[in-house]
């Protein structure tokens, strides 16, 4: 299982109400992508945390993550939701499958 986590710094003009809309739009867009599992997003709970928003998506394989990133719904999500509202991002990908010794 591959875990794809992206942390975002919000642009300074984004209000709490706008962030609620962003979260709703994120779920709507990313849940349309068939290779994505366990789609999650959320906002920070600590105002000192510079990363105001995150998405987390699981995949059965690294190949499915690549398919996800090339999906038209994901591309639309990035263009219409991420680019206009986020100032910076940090991508964290993890492999959750234990390897035999």
PDB file of N, CA and C in Angstrom:
ATOM      1  N   UNK A   1       0.847  -1.179   0.000  1.00  0.00           N
ATOM      2  CA  UNK A   1       0.000   0.000   0.000  1.00  0.00           C
ATOM      3  C   UNK A   1       0.887   1.235   0.000  1.00  0.00           C
ATOM      4  N   UNK A   2       0.623   2.149  -0.904  1.00  0.00           N
ATOM      5  CA  UNK A   2       1.357   3.407  -0.984  1.00  0.00           C
ATOM      6  C   UNK A   2       0.489   4.532  -0.439  1.00  0.00           C
ATOM      7  N   UNK A   3       1.084   5.347   0.409  1.00  0.00           N
ATOM      8  CA  UNK A   3       0.388   6.465   1.033  1.00  0.00           C
ATOM      9  C   UNK A   3       0.954   7.763   0.460  1.00  0.00           C
ATOM     10  N   UNK A   4       0.093   8.555  -0.129  1.00  0.00           N
ATOM     11  CA  UNK A   4       0.471   9.829  -0.752  1.00  0.00           C
ATOM     12  C   UNK A   4      -0.122  10.937   0.107  1.00  0.00           C
ATOM     13  N   UNK A   5       0.750  11.728   0.714  1.00  0.00           N
ATOM     14  CA  UNK A   5       0.325  12.809   1.601  1.00  0.00           C
ATOM     15  C   UNK A   5       0.919  14.106   1.059  1.00  0.00           C
ATOM     16  N   UNK A   6       0.083  15.136   0.950  1.00  0.00           N
ATOM     17  CA  UNK A   6       0.577  16.430   0.517  1.00  0.00           C
ATOM     18  C   UNK A   6       0.129  17.478   1.530  1.00  0.00           C
ATOM     19  N   UNK A   7       1.096  18.220   2.038  1.00  0.00           N
ATOM     20  CA  UNK A   7       0.833  19.334   2.946  1.00  0.00           C
ATOM     21  C   UNK A   7       0.878  20.621   2.135  1.00  0.00           C
ATOM     22  N   UNK A   8      -0.035  21.542   2.441  1.00  0.00           N
ATOM     23  CA  UNK A   8      -0.106  22.804   1.704  1.00  0.00           C
ATOM     24  C   UNK A   8      -0.085  23.990   2.650  1.00  0.00           C
ATOM     25  N   UNK A   9       0.624  25.032   2.233  1.00  0.00           N
ATOM     26  CA  UNK A   9       0.530  26.329   2.891  1.00  0.00           C
ATOM     27  C   UNK A   9      -0.493  27.134   2.109  1.00  0.00           C
ATOM     28  N   UNK A  10      -1.464  27.678   2.809  1.00  0.00           N
ATOM     29  CA  UNK A  10      -2.516  28.462   2.176  1.00  0.00           C
ATOM     30  C   UNK A  10      -2.003  29.836   1.766  1.00  0.00           C
ATOM     31  N   UNK A  11      -2.557  30.362   0.693  1.00  0.00           N
ATOM     32  CA  UNK A  11      -2.278  31.749   0.345  1.00  0.00           C
ATOM     33  C   UNK A  11      -2.869  32.623   1.454  1.00  0.00           C
ATOM     34  N   UNK A  12      -2.281  33.779   1.735  1.00  0.00           N
ATOM     35  CA  UNK A  12      -2.703  34.595   2.881  1.00  0.00           C
ATOM     36  C   UNK A  12      -4.159  35.054   2.855  1.00  0.00           C
ATOM     37  N   UNK A  13      -4.751  35.155   1.694  1.00  0.00           N
ATOM     38  CA  UNK A  13      -6.111  35.686   1.587  1.00  0.00           C
ATOM     39  C   UNK A  13      -7.204  34.630   1.780  1.00  0.00           C
ATOM     40  N   UNK A  14      -6.857  33.381   2.066  1.00  0.00           N
ATOM     41  CA  UNK A  14      -7.848  32.307   2.186  1.00  0.00           C
ATOM     42  C   UNK A  14      -8.500  32.339   3.570  1.00  0.00           C
ATOM     43  N   UNK A  15      -9.809  32.497   3.590  1.00  0.00           N
ATOM     44  CA  UNK A  15     -10.560  32.552   4.845  1.00  0.00           C
ATOM     45  C   UNK A  15     -10.948  31.141   5.296  1.00  0.00           C
ATOM     46  N   UNK A  16     -11.432  31.038   6.523  1.00  0.00           N
ATOM     47  CA  UNK A  16     -11.899  29.749   7.044  1.00  0.00           C
ATOM     48  C   UNK A  16     -13.067  29.224   6.213  1.00  0.00           C
ATOM     49  N   UNK A  17     -13.963  30.118   5.789  1.00  0.00           N
ATOM     50  CA  UNK A  17     -15.099  29.706   4.955  1.00  0.00           C
ATOM     51  C   UNK A  17     -14.627  29.192   3.600  1.00  0.00           C
ATOM     52  N   UNK A  18     -13.631  29.863   3.032  1.00  0.00           N
ATOM     53  CA  UNK A  18     -13.087  29.402   1.744  1.00  0.00           C
ATOM     54  C   UNK A  18     -12.426  28.036   1.900  1.00  0.00           C
ATOM     55  N   UNK A  19     -11.754  27.821   3.020  1.00  0.00           N
ATOM     56  CA  UNK A  19     -11.109  26.532   3.261  1.00  0.00           C
ATOM     57  C   UNK A  19     -12.145  25.419   3.370  1.00  0.00           C
ATOM     58  N   UNK A  20     -13.291  25.692   3.949  1.00  0.00           N
ATOM     59  CA  UNK A  20     -14.372  24.699   4.010  1.00  0.00           C
ATOM     60  C   UNK A  20     -14.815  24.304   2.603  1.00  0.00           C
ATOM     61  N   UNK A  21     -14.942  25.275   1.719  1.00  0.00           N
ATOM     62  CA  UNK A  21     -15.326  25.008   0.328  1.00  0.00           C
ATOM     63  C   UNK A  21     -14.232  24.202  -0.367  1.00  0.00           C
ATOM     64  N   UNK A  22     -12.983  24.562  -0.124  1.00  0.00           N
ATOM     65  CA  UNK A  22     -11.849  23.829  -0.711  1.00  0.00           C
ATOM     66  C   UNK A  22     -11.881  22.369  -0.275  1.00  0.00           C
ATOM     67  N   UNK A  23     -12.160  22.129   1.004  1.00  0.00           N
ATOM     68  CA  UNK A  23     -12.217  20.749   1.497  1.00  0.00           C
ATOM     69  C   UNK A  23     -13.338  19.972   0.809  1.00  0.00           C
ATOM     70  N   UNK A  24     -14.484  20.587   0.660  1.00  0.00           N
ATOM     71  CA  UNK A  24     -15.611  19.923  -0.002  1.00  0.00           C
ATOM     72  C   UNK A  24     -15.271  19.639  -1.470  1.00  0.00           C
ATOM     73  N   UNK A  25     -14.711  20.609  -2.159  1.00  0.00           N
ATOM     74  CA  UNK A  25     -14.348  20.427  -3.569  1.00  0.00           C
ATOM     75  C   UNK A  25     -13.267  19.362  -3.725  1.00  0.00           C
ATOM     76  N   UNK A  26     -12.346  19.310  -2.787  1.00  0.00           N
ATOM     77  CA  UNK A  26     -11.281  18.298  -2.834  1.00  0.00           C
ATOM     78  C   UNK A  26     -11.880  16.905  -2.780  1.00  0.00           C
ATOM     79  N   UNK A  27     -12.760  16.676  -1.829  1.00  0.00           N
ATOM     80  CA  UNK A  27     -13.387  15.348  -1.710  1.00  0.00           C
ATOM     81  C   UNK A  27     -14.171  14.997  -2.971  1.00  0.00           C
ATOM     82  N   UNK A  28     -14.941  15.945  -3.474  1.00  0.00           N
ATOM     83  CA  UNK A  28     -15.751  15.689  -4.670  1.00  0.00           C
ATOM     84  C   UNK A  28     -14.864  15.295  -5.848  1.00  0.00           C
ATOM     85  N   UNK A  29     -13.801  16.046  -6.084  1.00  0.00           N
ATOM     86  CA  UNK A  29     -12.942  15.778  -7.244  1.00  0.00           C
ATOM     87  C   UNK A  29     -12.132  14.489  -7.091  1.00  0.00           C
ATOM     88  N   UNK A  30     -11.490  14.313  -5.936  1.00  0.00           N
ATOM     89  CA  UNK A  30     -10.585  13.166  -5.787  1.00  0.00           C
ATOM     90  C   UNK A  30     -11.326  11.840  -5.652  1.00  0.00           C
ATOM     91  N   UNK A  31     -12.551  11.874  -5.122  1.00  0.00           N
ATOM     92  CA  UNK A  31     -13.319  10.629  -5.017  1.00  0.00           C
ATOM     93  C   UNK A  31     -13.815  10.131  -6.376  1.00  0.00           C
ATOM     94  N   UNK A  32     -13.715  10.952  -7.412  1.00  0.00           N
ATOM     95  CA  UNK A  32     -14.088  10.536  -8.763  1.00  0.00           C
ATOM     96  C   UNK A  32     -13.012   9.664  -9.412  1.00  0.00           C
ATOM     97  N   UNK A  33     -11.838   9.605  -8.812  1.00  0.00           N
ATOM     98  CA  UNK A  33     -10.701   8.893  -9.413  1.00  0.00           C
ATOM     99  C   UNK A  33     -10.689   7.456  -8.891  1.00  0.00           C
ATOM    100  N   UNK A  34     -10.908   6.513  -9.787  1.00  0.00           N
ATOM    101  CA  UNK A  34     -11.127   5.121  -9.383  1.00  0.00           C
ATOM    102  C   UNK A  34      -9.923   4.465  -8.714  1.00  0.00           C
ATOM    103  N   UNK A  35      -8.702   4.859  -9.039  1.00  0.00           N
ATOM    104  CA  UNK A  35      -7.523   4.208  -8.454  1.00  0.00           C
ATOM    105  C   UNK A  35      -7.215   4.717  -7.049  1.00  0.00           C
ATOM    106  N   UNK A  36      -7.889   5.779  -6.620  1.00  0.00           N
ATOM    107  CA  UNK A  36      -7.637   6.374  -5.304  1.00  0.00           C
ATOM    108  C   UNK A  36      -8.462   5.679  -4.231  1.00  0.00           C
ATOM    109  N   UNK A  37      -7.833   5.402  -3.094  1.00  0.00           N
ATOM    110  CA  UNK A  37      -8.524   4.796  -1.952  1.00  0.00           C
ATOM    111  C   UNK A  37      -8.272   5.663  -0.718  1.00  0.00           C
ATOM    112  N   UNK A  38      -9.208   5.625   0.213  1.00  0.00           N
ATOM    113  CA  UNK A  38      -9.052   6.341   1.484  1.00  0.00           C
ATOM    114  C   UNK A  38      -8.686   7.812   1.287  1.00  0.00           C
ATOM    115  N   UNK A  39      -9.428   8.500   0.458  1.00  0.00           N
ATOM    116  CA  UNK A  39      -9.183   9.921   0.204  1.00  0.00           C
ATOM    117  C   UNK A  39      -9.558  10.710   1.455  1.00  0.00           C
ATOM    118  N   UNK A  40      -8.608  11.500   1.920  1.00  0.00           N
ATOM    119  CA  UNK A  40      -8.836  12.342   3.097  1.00  0.00           C
ATOM    120  C   UNK A  40      -8.260  13.728   2.844  1.00  0.00           C
ATOM    121  N   UNK A  41      -8.842  14.712   3.492  1.00  0.00           N
ATOM    122  CA  UNK A  41      -8.277  16.050   3.483  1.00  0.00           C
ATOM    123  C   UNK A  41      -8.665  16.719   4.784  1.00  0.00           C
ATOM    124  N   UNK A  42      -7.955  17.772   5.136  1.00  0.00           N
ATOM    125  CA  UNK A  42      -8.273  18.450   6.380  1.00  0.00           C
ATOM    126  C   UNK A  42      -7.499  19.729   6.558  1.00  0.00           C
ATOM    127  N   UNK A  43      -7.853  20.434   7.620  1.00  0.00           N
ATOM    128  CA  UNK A  43      -7.212  21.705   7.938  1.00  0.00           C
ATOM    129  C   UNK A  43      -6.433  21.548   9.240  1.00  0.00           C
ATOM    130  N   UNK A  44      -5.493  22.434   9.443  1.00  0.00           N
ATOM    131  CA  UNK A  44      -4.673  22.380  10.660  1.00  0.00           C
ATOM    132  C   UNK A  44      -5.527  22.679  11.884  1.00  0.00           C
ATOM    133  N   UNK A  45      -5.082  22.177  13.008  1.00  0.00           N
ATOM    134  CA  UNK A  45      -5.754  22.464  14.270  1.00  0.00           C
ATOM    135  C   UNK A  45      -4.914  23.396  15.131  1.00  0.00           C
ATOM    136  N   UNK A  46      -3.655  23.557  14.798  1.00  0.00           N
ATOM    137  CA  UNK A  46      -2.733  24.413  15.537  1.00  0.00           C
ATOM    138  C   UNK A  46      -2.331  25.573  14.639  1.00  0.00           C
ATOM    139  N   UNK A  47      -2.667  26.786  15.023  1.00  0.00           N
ATOM    140  CA  UNK A  47      -2.374  27.957  14.192  1.00  0.00           C
ATOM    141  C   UNK A  47      -0.879  28.175  13.981  1.00  0.00           C
ATOM    142  N   UNK A  48      -0.038  27.583  14.815  1.00  0.00           N
ATOM    143  CA  UNK A  48       1.411  27.709  14.640  1.00  0.00           C
ATOM    144  C   UNK A  48       1.931  26.801  13.525  1.00  0.00           C
ATOM    145  N   UNK A  49       1.133  25.837  13.133  1.00  0.00           N
ATOM    146  CA  UNK A  49       1.498  24.921  12.047  1.00  0.00           C
ATOM    147  C   UNK A  49       1.400  25.689  10.729  1.00  0.00           C
ATOM    148  N   UNK A  50       2.495  25.799   9.980  1.00  0.00           N
ATOM    149  CA  UNK A  50       2.444  26.559   8.727  1.00  0.00           C
ATOM    150  C   UNK A  50       1.674  25.846   7.608  1.00  0.00           C
ATOM    151  N   UNK A  51       1.463  24.550   7.745  1.00  0.00           N
ATOM    152  CA  UNK A  51       0.769  23.769   6.723  1.00  0.00           C
ATOM    153  C   UNK A  51      -0.731  23.772   7.055  1.00  0.00           C
ATOM    154  N   UNK A  52      -1.498  24.603   6.372  1.00  0.00           N
ATOM    155  CA  UNK A  52      -2.891  24.822   6.705  1.00  0.00           C
ATOM    156  C   UNK A  52      -3.868  23.801   6.171  1.00  0.00           C
ATOM    157  N   UNK A  53      -3.424  22.970   5.220  1.00  0.00           N
ATOM    158  CA  UNK A  53      -4.330  22.033   4.549  1.00  0.00           C
ATOM    159  C   UNK A  53      -3.531  20.813   4.123  1.00  0.00           C
ATOM    160  N   UNK A  54      -4.203  19.652   4.107  1.00  0.00           N
ATOM    161  CA  UNK A  54      -3.524  18.451   3.622  1.00  0.00           C
ATOM    162  C   UNK A  54      -4.495  17.580   2.841  1.00  0.00           C
ATOM    163  N   UNK A  55      -3.912  16.754   1.965  1.00  0.00           N
ATOM    164  CA  UNK A  55      -4.654  15.650   1.359  1.00  0.00           C
ATOM    165  C   UNK A  55      -3.858  14.377   1.619  1.00  0.00           C
ATOM    166  N   UNK A  56      -4.574  13.274   1.712  1.00  0.00           N
ATOM    167  CA  UNK A  56      -3.963  11.968   1.904  1.00  0.00           C
ATOM    168  C   UNK A  56      -4.758  10.969   1.070  1.00  0.00           C
ATOM    169  N   UNK A  57      -4.039  10.194   0.254  1.00  0.00           N
ATOM    170  CA  UNK A  57      -4.684   9.215  -0.621  1.00  0.00           C
ATOM    171  C   UNK A  57      -3.839   7.948  -0.608  1.00  0.00           C
ATOM    172  N   UNK A  58      -4.496   6.798  -0.567  1.00  0.00           N
ATOM    173  CA  UNK A  58      -3.798   5.509  -0.604  1.00  0.00           C
ATOM    174  C   UNK A  58      -3.955   4.861  -1.977  1.00  0.00           C
ATOM    175  N   UNK A  59      -2.947   4.050  -2.327  1.00  0.00           N
ATOM    176  CA  UNK A  59      -2.940   3.341  -3.613  1.00  0.00           C
ATOM    177  C   UNK A  59      -2.424   1.931  -3.415  1.00  0.00           C
ATOM    178  N   UNK A  60      -2.915   1.022  -4.263  1.00  0.00           N
ATOM    179  CA  UNK A  60      -2.467  -0.369  -4.215  1.00  0.00           C
ATOM    180  C   UNK A  60      -1.027  -0.532  -4.698  1.00  0.00           C
ATOM    181  N   UNK A  61      -0.562   0.405  -5.533  1.00  0.00           N
ATOM    182  CA  UNK A  61       0.782   0.295  -6.095  1.00  0.00           C
ATOM    183  C   UNK A  61       1.288   1.675  -6.498  1.00  0.00           C
ATOM    184  N   UNK A  62       2.582   1.757  -6.715  1.00  0.00           N
ATOM    185  CA  UNK A  62       3.195   3.003  -7.158  1.00  0.00           C
ATOM    186  C   UNK A  62       2.673   3.373  -8.554  1.00  0.00           C
ATOM    187  N   UNK A  63       2.380   2.365  -9.367  1.00  0.00           N
ATOM    188  CA  UNK A  63       1.847   2.608 -10.708  1.00  0.00           C
ATOM    189  C   UNK A  63       0.487   3.303 -10.639  1.00  0.00           C
ATOM    190  N   UNK A  64      -0.341   2.905  -9.671  1.00  0.00           N
ATOM    191  CA  UNK A  64      -1.662   3.545  -9.519  1.00  0.00           C
ATOM    192  C   UNK A  64      -1.527   4.995  -9.072  1.00  0.00           C
ATOM    193  N   UNK A  65      -0.500   5.293  -8.300  1.00  0.00           N
ATOM    194  CA  UNK A  65      -0.235   6.687  -7.928  1.00  0.00           C
ATOM    195  C   UNK A  65       0.074   7.493  -9.191  1.00  0.00           C
ATOM    196  N   UNK A  66       0.876   6.936 -10.069  1.00  0.00           N
ATOM    197  CA  UNK A  66       1.189   7.627 -11.343  1.00  0.00           C
ATOM    198  C   UNK A  66      -0.072   7.819 -12.189  1.00  0.00           C
ATOM    199  N   UNK A  67      -0.923   6.803 -12.238  1.00  0.00           N
ATOM    200  CA  UNK A  67      -2.185   6.911 -12.981  1.00  0.00           C
ATOM    201  C   UNK A  67      -3.037   8.029 -12.379  1.00  0.00           C
ATOM    202  N   UNK A  68      -3.103   8.086 -11.047  1.00  0.00           N
ATOM    203  CA  UNK A  68      -3.842   9.124 -10.327  1.00  0.00           C
ATOM    204  C   UNK A  68      -3.366  10.517 -10.744  1.00  0.00           C
ATOM    205  N   UNK A  69      -2.052  10.710 -10.767  1.00  0.00           N
ATOM    206  CA  UNK A  69      -1.478  12.017 -11.075  1.00  0.00           C
ATOM    207  C   UNK A  69      -1.706  12.439 -12.518  1.00  0.00           C
ATOM    208  N   UNK A  70      -2.034  11.491 -13.388  1.00  0.00           N
ATOM    209  CA  UNK A  70      -2.304  11.794 -14.798  1.00  0.00           C
ATOM    210  C   UNK A  70      -3.803  11.826 -15.108  1.00  0.00           C
ATOM    211  N   UNK A  71      -4.636  11.535 -14.125  1.00  0.00           N
ATOM    212  CA  UNK A  71      -6.081  11.500 -14.320  1.00  0.00           C
ATOM    213  C   UNK A  71      -6.622  12.911 -14.572  1.00  0.00           C
ATOM    214  N   UNK A  72      -7.543  13.073 -15.522  1.00  0.00           N
ATOM    215  CA  UNK A  72      -8.117  14.401 -15.811  1.00  0.00           C
ATOM    216  C   UNK A  72      -8.784  15.060 -14.594  1.00  0.00           C
ATOM    217  N   UNK A  73      -9.396  14.271 -13.709  1.00  0.00           N
ATOM    218  CA  UNK A  73     -10.006  14.857 -12.504  1.00  0.00           C
ATOM    219  C   UNK A  73      -8.927  15.432 -11.576  1.00  0.00           C
ATOM    220  N   UNK A  74      -7.783  14.744 -11.471  1.00  0.00           N
ATOM    221  CA  UNK A  74      -6.696  15.244 -10.637  1.00  0.00           C
ATOM    222  C   UNK A  74      -6.102  16.512 -11.242  1.00  0.00           C
ATOM    223  N   UNK A  75      -5.900  16.500 -12.541  1.00  0.00           N
ATOM    224  CA  UNK A  75      -5.351  17.678 -13.217  1.00  0.00           C
ATOM    225  C   UNK A  75      -6.285  18.875 -13.028  1.00  0.00           C
ATOM    226  N   UNK A  76      -7.590  18.650 -13.149  1.00  0.00           N
ATOM    227  CA  UNK A  76      -8.577  19.713 -12.922  1.00  0.00           C
ATOM    228  C   UNK A  76      -8.513  20.191 -11.464  1.00  0.00           C
ATOM    229  N   UNK A  77      -8.396  19.268 -10.527  1.00  0.00           N
ATOM    230  CA  UNK A  77      -8.269  19.596  -9.113  1.00  0.00           C
ATOM    231  C   UNK A  77      -7.071  20.519  -8.867  1.00  0.00           C
ATOM    232  N   UNK A  78      -5.938  20.174  -9.430  1.00  0.00           N
ATOM    233  CA  UNK A  78      -4.734  20.992  -9.252  1.00  0.00           C
ATOM    234  C   UNK A  78      -4.926  22.386  -9.848  1.00  0.00           C
ATOM    235  N   UNK A  79      -5.464  22.435 -11.058  1.00  0.00           N
ATOM    236  CA  UNK A  79      -5.631  23.725 -11.739  1.00  0.00           C
ATOM    237  C   UNK A  79      -6.669  24.623 -11.086  1.00  0.00           C
ATOM    238  N   UNK A  80      -7.794  24.045 -10.647  1.00  0.00           N
ATOM    239  CA  UNK A  80      -8.909  24.852 -10.153  1.00  0.00           C
ATOM    240  C   UNK A  80      -8.942  25.037  -8.636  1.00  0.00           C
ATOM    241  N   UNK A  81      -8.335  24.117  -7.896  1.00  0.00           N
ATOM    242  CA  UNK A  81      -8.412  24.204  -6.438  1.00  0.00           C
ATOM    243  C   UNK A  81      -7.045  24.506  -5.818  1.00  0.00           C
ATOM    244  N   UNK A  82      -6.037  23.759  -6.214  1.00  0.00           N
ATOM    245  CA  UNK A  82      -4.724  23.917  -5.579  1.00  0.00           C
ATOM    246  C   UNK A  82      -4.021  25.201  -6.010  1.00  0.00           C
ATOM    247  N   UNK A  83      -3.798  25.383  -7.280  1.00  0.00           N
ATOM    248  CA  UNK A  83      -3.022  26.540  -7.744  1.00  0.00           C
ATOM    249  C   UNK A  83      -3.594  27.888  -7.304  1.00  0.00           C
ATOM    250  N   UNK A  84      -4.905  28.102  -7.366  1.00  0.00           N
ATOM    251  CA  UNK A  84      -5.422  29.416  -6.951  1.00  0.00           C
ATOM    252  C   UNK A  84      -5.396  29.667  -5.436  1.00  0.00           C
ATOM    253  N   UNK A  85      -5.292  28.613  -4.627  1.00  0.00           N
ATOM    254  CA  UNK A  85      -5.470  28.765  -3.181  1.00  0.00           C
ATOM    255  C   UNK A  85      -4.256  28.407  -2.328  1.00  0.00           C
ATOM    256  N   UNK A  86      -3.290  27.706  -2.890  1.00  0.00           N
ATOM    257  CA  UNK A  86      -2.160  27.228  -2.101  1.00  0.00           C
ATOM    258  C   UNK A  86      -0.870  27.922  -2.527  1.00  0.00           C
ATOM    259  N   UNK A  87      -0.048  28.265  -1.531  1.00  0.00           N
ATOM    260  CA  UNK A  87       1.193  28.976  -1.790  1.00  0.00           C
ATOM    261  C   UNK A  87       2.388  28.037  -1.951  1.00  0.00           C
ATOM    262  N   UNK A  88       2.326  26.887  -1.281  1.00  0.00           N
ATOM    263  CA  UNK A  88       3.476  25.983  -1.264  1.00  0.00           C
ATOM    264  C   UNK A  88       2.988  24.595  -0.898  1.00  0.00           C
ATOM    265  N   UNK A  89       3.745  23.573  -1.317  1.00  0.00           N
ATOM    266  CA  UNK A  89       3.355  22.204  -0.955  1.00  0.00           C
ATOM    267  C   UNK A  89       4.572  21.366  -0.598  1.00  0.00           C
ATOM    268  N   UNK A  90       4.312  20.324   0.157  1.00  0.00           N
ATOM    269  CA  UNK A  90       5.320  19.343   0.521  1.00  0.00           C
ATOM    270  C   UNK A  90       4.703  17.972   0.294  1.00  0.00           C
ATOM    271  N   UNK A  91       5.280  17.182  -0.617  1.00  0.00           N
ATOM    272  CA  UNK A  91       4.756  15.864  -0.969  1.00  0.00           C
ATOM    273  C   UNK A  91       5.520  14.806  -0.180  1.00  0.00           C
ATOM    274  N   UNK A  92       4.768  13.922   0.471  1.00  0.00           N
ATOM    275  CA  UNK A  92       5.349  12.827   1.250  1.00  0.00           C
ATOM    276  C   UNK A  92       4.716  11.523   0.774  1.00  0.00           C
ATOM    277  N   UNK A  93       5.511  10.654   0.172  1.00  0.00           N
ATOM    278  CA  UNK A  93       5.029   9.349  -0.286  1.00  0.00           C
ATOM    279  C   UNK A  93       5.684   8.260   0.556  1.00  0.00           C
ATOM    280  N   UNK A  94       4.860   7.310   1.007  1.00  0.00           N
ATOM    281  CA  UNK A  94       5.353   6.226   1.857  1.00  0.00           C
ATOM    282  C   UNK A  94       4.872   4.888   1.322  1.00  0.00           C
ATOM    283  N   UNK A  95       5.715   3.879   1.472  1.00  0.00           N
ATOM    284  CA  UNK A  95       5.360   2.502   1.164  1.00  0.00           C
ATOM    285  C   UNK A  95       5.033   1.831   2.491  1.00  0.00           C
ATOM    286  N   UNK A  96       3.777   1.415   2.656  1.00  0.00           N
ATOM    287  CA  UNK A  96       3.343   0.838   3.911  1.00  0.00           C
ATOM    288  C   UNK A  96       3.447  -0.674   3.993  1.00  0.00           C
ATOM    289  N   UNK A  97       3.956  -1.309   2.941  1.00  0.00           N
ATOM    290  CA  UNK A  97       4.042  -2.770   2.946  1.00  0.00           C
ATOM    291  C   UNK A  97       5.356  -3.222   3.563  1.00  0.00           C
ATOM    292  N   UNK A  98       5.283  -4.100   4.562  1.00  0.00           N
ATOM    293  CA  UNK A  98       6.529  -4.619   5.137  1.00  0.00           C
ATOM    294  C   UNK A  98       7.232  -5.531   4.144  1.00  0.00           C
ATOM    295  N   UNK A  99       8.533  -5.434   4.113  1.00  0.00           N
ATOM    296  CA  UNK A  99       9.344  -6.285   3.238  1.00  0.00           C
ATOM    297  C   UNK A  99       9.878  -7.467   4.031  1.00  0.00           C
ATOM    298  N   UNK A 100       9.881  -8.656   3.429  1.00  0.00           N
ATOM    299  CA  UNK A 100      10.448  -9.820   4.148  1.00  0.00           C
ATOM    300  C   UNK A 100      11.953  -9.632   4.360  1.00  0.00           C
ATOM    301  N   UNK A 101      12.450 -10.158   5.460  1.00  0.00           N
ATOM    302  CA  UNK A 101      13.887 -10.035   5.779  1.00  0.00           C
ATOM    303  C   UNK A 101      14.673 -11.112   5.110  1.00  0.00           C
TER     304      UNK A 101
END
